[in-house]
Amino acid sequence: MTPRDRQLLAHTPYAQASVPEQYLRHIVDYPRKEMPGTILVDTDARYLYFVLPDGKAIRYGVAVGEEAMAFSGVARVGRLAEWPDWVPTADIQARLGPYPARVPGGPANPLGARGIYLYAGNKDTLYRIHGTNQPEYIGQAISSGCIRMRNEDVIDLYDRVKLNSTVVVLPPGQSAQVSASRNWRG
């Protein structure tokens, strides 16, 4: 974490949430065939995997989109941002608003500490992997479609992922079926 991260996360406007053990960051065995550097999201299990070499992956707990609003398919990382501003879409304004037209980055921002922007071709899908100011929802299907992570986890992922990396988001009903064994927790 950067000094700015430590400063902003020290003054969060939300209570520290107790996230169940299975949703904390772990290195796990990964028998699937995605290339190292790929991100795979198992929406049913509420896990995001960052694929490592030698049959391993870092598994993070996530909150995913409600089924009718969730993204699934293959995308690429088209943009990376630290403490991004949030610009609510017209749909979010209509369903959940009113919000300001732009919410500046910071600990109260719904995008949290980092934003990993998902693109299909050269077009922004408007879906993100991002931090959250509601860590108590990790492990649930609650968001408007984005993949939410604990801020410390999205910072860790952000520091590993590269622009143009492949992101695979499995649709509901298609589990990654990755072993629960682990040998490290960070």
C-alpha atoms as a PDB file:
ATOM      1  CA  MET A   1       0.000   0.000   0.000  1.00  0.00           C
ATOM      2  CA  THR A   2       1.131   3.509  -0.714  1.00  0.00           C
ATOM      3  CA  PRO A   3       1.278   6.197   2.000  1.00  0.00           C
ATOM      4  CA  ARG A   4      -1.858   7.720   0.410  1.00  0.00           C
ATOM      5  CA  ASP A   5      -3.630   4.344   0.637  1.00  0.00           C
ATOM      6  CA  ARG A   6      -2.751   4.021   4.319  1.00  0.00           C
ATOM      7  CA  GLN A   7      -3.935   7.570   5.006  1.00  0.00           C
ATOM      8  CA  LEU A   8      -7.264   7.197   3.180  1.00  0.00           C
ATOM      9  CA  LEU A   9      -8.008   3.720   4.536  1.00  0.00           C
ATOM     10  CA  ALA A  10      -7.243   4.854   8.094  1.00  0.00           C
ATOM     11  CA  HIS A  11     -10.250   7.198   7.933  1.00  0.00           C
ATOM     12  CA  THR A  12     -12.945   5.122   6.260  1.00  0.00           C
ATOM     13  CA  PRO A  13     -16.531   6.236   6.894  1.00  0.00           C
ATOM     14  CA  TYR A  14     -17.634   2.599   7.299  1.00  0.00           C
ATOM     15  CA  ALA A  15     -17.105   0.059  10.045  1.00  0.00           C
ATOM     16  CA  GLN A  16     -14.452  -2.586   9.584  1.00  0.00           C
ATOM     17  CA  ALA A  17     -16.331  -5.657   8.421  1.00  0.00           C
ATOM     18  CA  SER A  18     -15.650  -9.184   9.503  1.00  0.00           C
ATOM     19  CA  VAL A  19     -15.275 -11.120   6.243  1.00  0.00           C
ATOM     20  CA  PRO A  20     -15.704 -14.923   6.526  1.00  0.00           C
ATOM     21  CA  GLU A  21     -12.414 -16.853   6.401  1.00  0.00           C
ATOM     22  CA  GLN A  22     -13.181 -18.499   3.035  1.00  0.00           C
ATOM     23  CA  TYR A  23     -13.350 -15.047   1.391  1.00  0.00           C
ATOM     24  CA  LEU A  24      -9.948 -13.900   2.639  1.00  0.00           C
ATOM     25  CA  ARG A  25      -7.032 -13.919   0.174  1.00  0.00           C
ATOM     26  CA  HIS A  26      -5.344 -17.314  -0.304  1.00  0.00           C
ATOM     27  CA  ILE A  27      -3.027 -19.040  -2.749  1.00  0.00           C
ATOM     28  CA  VAL A  28      -4.795 -22.179  -3.989  1.00  0.00           C
ATOM     29  CA  ASP A  29      -4.197 -25.035  -6.403  1.00  0.00           C
ATOM     30  CA  TYR A  30      -5.566 -24.066  -9.812  1.00  0.00           C
ATOM     31  CA  PRO A  31      -6.119 -26.978 -12.238  1.00  0.00           C
ATOM     32  CA  ARG A  32      -7.757 -24.942 -15.013  1.00  0.00           C
ATOM     33  CA  LYS A  33      -5.861 -24.005 -18.178  1.00  0.00           C
ATOM     34  CA  GLU A  34      -5.970 -20.174 -18.181  1.00  0.00           C
ATOM     35  CA  MET A  35      -2.590 -18.511 -18.731  1.00  0.00           C
ATOM     36  CA  PRO A  36      -0.724 -16.882 -15.826  1.00  0.00           C
ATOM     37  CA  GLY A  37      -1.836 -13.255 -15.485  1.00  0.00           C
ATOM     38  CA  THR A  38      -5.452 -14.090 -16.381  1.00  0.00           C
ATOM     39  CA  ILE A  39      -8.268 -13.096 -14.032  1.00  0.00           C
ATOM     40  CA  LEU A  40     -11.150 -15.560 -13.683  1.00  0.00           C
ATOM     41  CA  VAL A  41     -14.308 -14.685 -11.736  1.00  0.00           C
ATOM     42  CA  ASP A  42     -16.482 -17.534 -10.467  1.00  0.00           C
ATOM     43  CA  THR A  43     -19.729 -15.667  -9.845  1.00  0.00           C
ATOM     44  CA  ASP A  44     -21.471 -18.654  -8.219  1.00  0.00           C
ATOM     45  CA  ALA A  45     -18.691 -19.251  -5.667  1.00  0.00           C
ATOM     46  CA  ARG A  46     -18.021 -15.475  -5.207  1.00  0.00           C
ATOM     47  CA  TYR A  47     -14.302 -15.852  -5.934  1.00  0.00           C
ATOM     48  CA  LEU A  48     -11.889 -14.047  -8.213  1.00  0.00           C
ATOM     49  CA  TYR A  49      -8.732 -15.927  -9.221  1.00  0.00           C
ATOM     50  CA  PHE A  50      -5.512 -14.324 -10.420  1.00  0.00           C
ATOM     51  CA  VAL A  51      -3.723 -17.140 -12.239  1.00  0.00           C
ATOM     52  CA  LEU A  52      -0.093 -17.767 -11.261  1.00  0.00           C
ATOM     53  CA  PRO A  53       2.441 -20.112 -12.878  1.00  0.00           C
ATOM     54  CA  ASP A  54       2.752 -23.780 -11.910  1.00  0.00           C
ATOM     55  CA  GLY A  55      -0.912 -24.591 -11.296  1.00  0.00           C
ATOM     56  CA  LYS A  56      -1.525 -21.995  -8.587  1.00  0.00           C
ATOM     57  CA  ALA A  57      -3.748 -18.918  -8.267  1.00  0.00           C
ATOM     58  CA  ILE A  58      -4.461 -16.207  -5.758  1.00  0.00           C
ATOM     59  CA  ARG A  59      -8.094 -16.509  -4.724  1.00  0.00           C
ATOM     60  CA  TYR A  60      -9.938 -13.446  -3.460  1.00  0.00           C
ATOM     61  CA  GLY A  61     -13.478 -13.255  -2.107  1.00  0.00           C
ATOM     62  CA  VAL A  62     -15.730 -10.886  -4.033  1.00  0.00           C
ATOM     63  CA  ALA A  63     -19.244  -9.500  -4.160  1.00  0.00           C
ATOM     64  CA  VAL A  64     -20.801  -9.958  -7.593  1.00  0.00           C
ATOM     65  CA  GLY A  65     -23.709  -8.495  -9.495  1.00  0.00           C
ATOM     66  CA  GLU A  66     -27.258  -9.519  -8.942  1.00  0.00           C
ATOM     67  CA  GLU A  67     -28.009 -12.134 -11.599  1.00  0.00           C
ATOM     68  CA  ALA A  68     -30.050  -9.898 -13.900  1.00  0.00           C
ATOM     69  CA  MET A  69     -27.364  -7.199 -13.862  1.00  0.00           C
ATOM     70  CA  ALA A  70     -24.153  -9.219 -13.877  1.00  0.00           C
ATOM     71  CA  PHE A  71     -21.549  -9.173 -16.636  1.00  0.00           C
ATOM     72  CA  SER A  72     -20.338 -12.524 -17.930  1.00  0.00           C
ATOM     73  CA  GLY A  73     -18.012 -13.413 -20.764  1.00  0.00           C
ATOM     74  CA  VAL A  74     -14.464 -12.549 -21.781  1.00  0.00           C
ATOM     75  CA  ALA A  75     -13.091  -9.031 -21.510  1.00  0.00           C
ATOM     76  CA  ARG A  76      -9.718  -7.399 -21.182  1.00  0.00           C
ATOM     77  CA  VAL A  77      -8.269  -4.906 -18.746  1.00  0.00           C
ATOM     78  CA  GLY A  78      -8.634  -1.636 -20.671  1.00  0.00           C
ATOM     79  CA  ARG A  79      -7.798   0.843 -17.916  1.00  0.00           C
ATOM     80  CA  LEU A  80      -6.397   0.881 -14.376  1.00  0.00           C
ATOM     81  CA  ALA A  81      -7.062   3.692 -11.873  1.00  0.00           C
ATOM     82  CA  GLU A  82      -6.065   4.455  -8.277  1.00  0.00           C
ATOM     83  CA  TRP A  83      -8.843   5.952  -6.120  1.00  0.00           C
ATOM     84  CA  PRO A  84     -11.048   6.468  -9.193  1.00  0.00           C
ATOM     85  CA  ASP A  85     -13.912   8.929  -9.412  1.00  0.00           C
ATOM     86  CA  TRP A  86     -17.318   7.310  -9.778  1.00  0.00           C
ATOM     87  CA  VAL A  87     -19.673   8.522 -12.489  1.00  0.00           C
ATOM     88  CA  PRO A  88     -23.041   6.829 -11.858  1.00  0.00           C
ATOM     89  CA  THR A  89     -24.725   5.640 -15.043  1.00  0.00           C
ATOM     90  CA  ALA A  90     -28.244   6.804 -15.929  1.00  0.00           C
ATOM     91  CA  ASP A  91     -29.514   3.320 -14.995  1.00  0.00           C
ATOM     92  CA  ILE A  92     -27.935   3.499 -11.529  1.00  0.00           C
ATOM     93  CA  GLN A  93     -29.282   7.035 -11.056  1.00  0.00           C
ATOM     94  CA  ALA A  94     -32.789   5.812 -11.962  1.00  0.00           C
ATOM     95  CA  ARG A  95     -32.651   2.698  -9.746  1.00  0.00           C
ATOM     96  CA  LEU A  96     -30.614   3.813  -6.752  1.00  0.00           C
ATOM     97  CA  GLY A  97     -30.121   7.595  -6.967  1.00  0.00           C
ATOM     98  CA  PRO A  98     -30.071  10.395  -6.741  1.00  0.00           C
ATOM     99  CA  TYR A  99     -26.286  10.645  -6.720  1.00  0.00           C
ATOM    100  CA  PRO A 100     -24.082  13.528  -7.767  1.00  0.00           C
ATOM    101  CA  ALA A 101     -22.979  13.365 -11.420  1.00  0.00           C
ATOM    102  CA  ARG A 102     -19.433  12.552 -10.208  1.00  0.00           C
ATOM    103  CA  VAL A 103     -18.268  11.234  -6.831  1.00  0.00           C
ATOM    104  CA  PRO A 104     -14.582  12.022  -6.255  1.00  0.00           C
ATOM    105  CA  GLY A 105     -12.205   9.186  -5.393  1.00  0.00           C
ATOM    106  CA  GLY A 106     -11.677   8.516  -1.704  1.00  0.00           C
ATOM    107  CA  PRO A 107     -12.733   6.235   1.145  1.00  0.00           C
ATOM    108  CA  ALA A 108     -16.466   7.097   0.820  1.00  0.00           C
ATOM    109  CA  ASN A 109     -16.496   6.412  -2.929  1.00  0.00           C
ATOM    110  CA  PRO A 110     -18.272   3.149  -3.924  1.00  0.00           C
ATOM    111  CA  LEU A 111     -15.347   2.202  -6.227  1.00  0.00           C
ATOM    112  CA  GLY A 112     -12.907   2.100  -3.336  1.00  0.00           C
ATOM    113  CA  ALA A 113      -9.128   2.129  -3.643  1.00  0.00           C
ATOM    114  CA  ARG A 114      -8.711   0.846  -7.213  1.00  0.00           C
ATOM    115  CA  GLY A 115     -10.638   0.404 -10.428  1.00  0.00           C
ATOM    116  CA  ILE A 116      -9.869  -2.251 -13.048  1.00  0.00           C
ATOM    117  CA  TYR A 117     -11.966  -1.357 -16.100  1.00  0.00           C
ATOM    118  CA  LEU A 118     -13.278  -4.165 -18.305  1.00  0.00           C
ATOM    119  CA  TYR A 119     -13.283  -3.591 -22.060  1.00  0.00           C
ATOM    120  CA  ALA A 120     -14.673  -5.677 -24.920  1.00  0.00           C
ATOM    121  CA  GLY A 121     -12.538  -4.816 -27.934  1.00  0.00           C
ATOM    122  CA  ASN A 122     -11.909  -1.066 -27.616  1.00  0.00           C
ATOM    123  CA  LYS A 123     -15.243  -0.371 -25.892  1.00  0.00           C
ATOM    124  CA  ASP A 124     -15.679   0.163 -22.153  1.00  0.00           C
ATOM    125  CA  THR A 125     -18.260  -2.387 -20.923  1.00  0.00           C
ATOM    126  CA  LEU A 126     -19.038  -0.088 -17.938  1.00  0.00           C
ATOM    127  CA  TYR A 127     -18.258  -3.076 -15.687  1.00  0.00           C
ATOM    128  CA  ARG A 128     -15.398  -2.891 -13.212  1.00  0.00           C
ATOM    129  CA  ILE A 129     -13.440  -4.898 -10.730  1.00  0.00           C
ATOM    130  CA  HIS A 130     -13.090  -2.415  -7.895  1.00  0.00           C
ATOM    131  CA  GLY A 131     -12.757  -1.860  -4.180  1.00  0.00           C
ATOM    132  CA  THR A 132     -15.749  -1.132  -2.002  1.00  0.00           C
ATOM    133  CA  ASN A 133     -16.964   1.034   0.831  1.00  0.00           C
ATOM    134  CA  GLN A 134     -19.239  -1.889   1.833  1.00  0.00           C
ATOM    135  CA  PRO A 135     -16.861  -4.780   2.644  1.00  0.00           C
ATOM    136  CA  GLU A 136     -19.593  -6.513   4.647  1.00  0.00           C
ATOM    137  CA  TYR A 137     -21.132  -7.655   1.335  1.00  0.00           C
ATOM    138  CA  ILE A 138     -18.119  -9.723   0.214  1.00  0.00           C
ATOM    139  CA  GLY A 139     -19.442 -13.200  -0.616  1.00  0.00           C
ATOM    140  CA  GLN A 140     -22.848 -11.968  -1.811  1.00  0.00           C
ATOM    141  CA  ALA A 141     -24.589 -11.168  -5.107  1.00  0.00           C
ATOM    142  CA  ILE A 142     -25.555  -7.598  -4.349  1.00  0.00           C
ATOM    143  CA  SER A 143     -23.917  -5.168  -6.767  1.00  0.00           C
ATOM    144  CA  SER A 144     -25.241  -3.518  -9.902  1.00  0.00           C
ATOM    145  CA  GLY A 145     -23.025  -5.809 -11.954  1.00  0.00           C
ATOM    146  CA  CYS A 146     -19.479  -4.925 -10.964  1.00  0.00           C
ATOM    147  CA  ILE A 147     -17.103  -7.215  -9.072  1.00  0.00           C
ATOM    148  CA  ARG A 148     -16.352  -5.709  -5.647  1.00  0.00           C
ATOM    149  CA  MET A 149     -13.313  -6.588  -3.560  1.00  0.00           C
ATOM    150  CA  ARG A 150     -12.003  -5.590  -0.141  1.00  0.00           C
ATOM    151  CA  ASN A 151      -9.825  -2.509  -0.652  1.00  0.00           C
ATOM    152  CA  GLU A 152      -6.655  -4.281   0.526  1.00  0.00           C
ATOM    153  CA  ASP A 153      -7.378  -7.094  -1.953  1.00  0.00           C
ATOM    154  CA  VAL A 154      -8.071  -4.842  -4.942  1.00  0.00           C
ATOM    155  CA  ILE A 155      -4.805  -3.002  -4.196  1.00  0.00           C
ATOM    156  CA  ASP A 156      -2.980  -6.363  -4.208  1.00  0.00           C
ATOM    157  CA  LEU A 157      -4.644  -7.422  -7.489  1.00  0.00           C
ATOM    158  CA  TYR A 158      -4.056  -4.000  -9.089  1.00  0.00           C
ATOM    159  CA  ASP A 159      -0.328  -4.308  -8.342  1.00  0.00           C
ATOM    160  CA  ARG A 160      -0.231  -7.666 -10.184  1.00  0.00           C
ATOM    161  CA  VAL A 161      -2.523  -7.169 -13.191  1.00  0.00           C
ATOM    162  CA  LYS A 162      -1.363  -5.667 -16.493  1.00  0.00           C
ATOM    163  CA  LEU A 163      -3.221  -3.650 -19.116  1.00  0.00           C
ATOM    164  CA  ASN A 164      -4.802  -5.904 -21.767  1.00  0.00           C
ATOM    165  CA  SER A 165      -4.856  -8.932 -19.421  1.00  0.00           C
ATOM    166  CA  THR A 166      -7.686 -11.356 -20.102  1.00  0.00           C
ATOM    167  CA  VAL A 167     -10.634 -11.386 -17.699  1.00  0.00           C
ATOM    168  CA  VAL A 168     -13.040 -14.343 -17.794  1.00  0.00           C
ATOM    169  CA  VAL A 169     -16.305 -13.917 -15.875  1.00  0.00           C
ATOM    170  CA  LEU A 170     -18.213 -17.180 -15.640  1.00  0.00           C
ATOM    171  CA  PRO A 171     -22.000 -16.907 -15.915  1.00  0.00           C
ATOM    172  CA  PRO A 172     -24.226 -18.144 -13.082  1.00  0.00           C
ATOM    173  CA  GLY A 173     -24.442 -21.930 -13.128  1.00  0.00           C
ATOM    174  CA  GLN A 174     -20.912 -22.435 -14.468  1.00  0.00           C
ATOM    175  CA  SER A 175     -18.516 -22.917 -11.567  1.00  0.00           C
ATOM    176  CA  ALA A 176     -14.730 -22.965 -11.858  1.00  0.00           C
ATOM    177  CA  GLN A 177     -14.650 -25.970  -9.483  1.00  0.00           C
ATOM    178  CA  VAL A 178     -11.278 -25.052  -8.053  1.00  0.00           C
ATOM    179  CA  SER A 179      -9.951 -26.968  -5.062  1.00  0.00           C
ATOM    180  CA  ALA A 180     -10.414 -25.407  -1.638  1.00  0.00           C
ATOM    181  CA  SER A 181      -6.884 -26.423  -0.563  1.00  0.00           C
ATOM    182  CA  ARG A 182      -4.529 -23.614   0.228  1.00  0.00           C
ATOM    183  CA  ASN A 183      -1.019 -23.070   1.468  1.00  0.00           C
ATOM    184  CA  TRP A 184      -0.825 -19.329   2.066  1.00  0.00           C
ATOM    185  CA  ARG A 185      -2.987 -16.492   3.258  1.00  0.00           C
ATOM    186  CA  GLY A 186      -1.977 -12.876   2.833  1.00  0.00           C
END
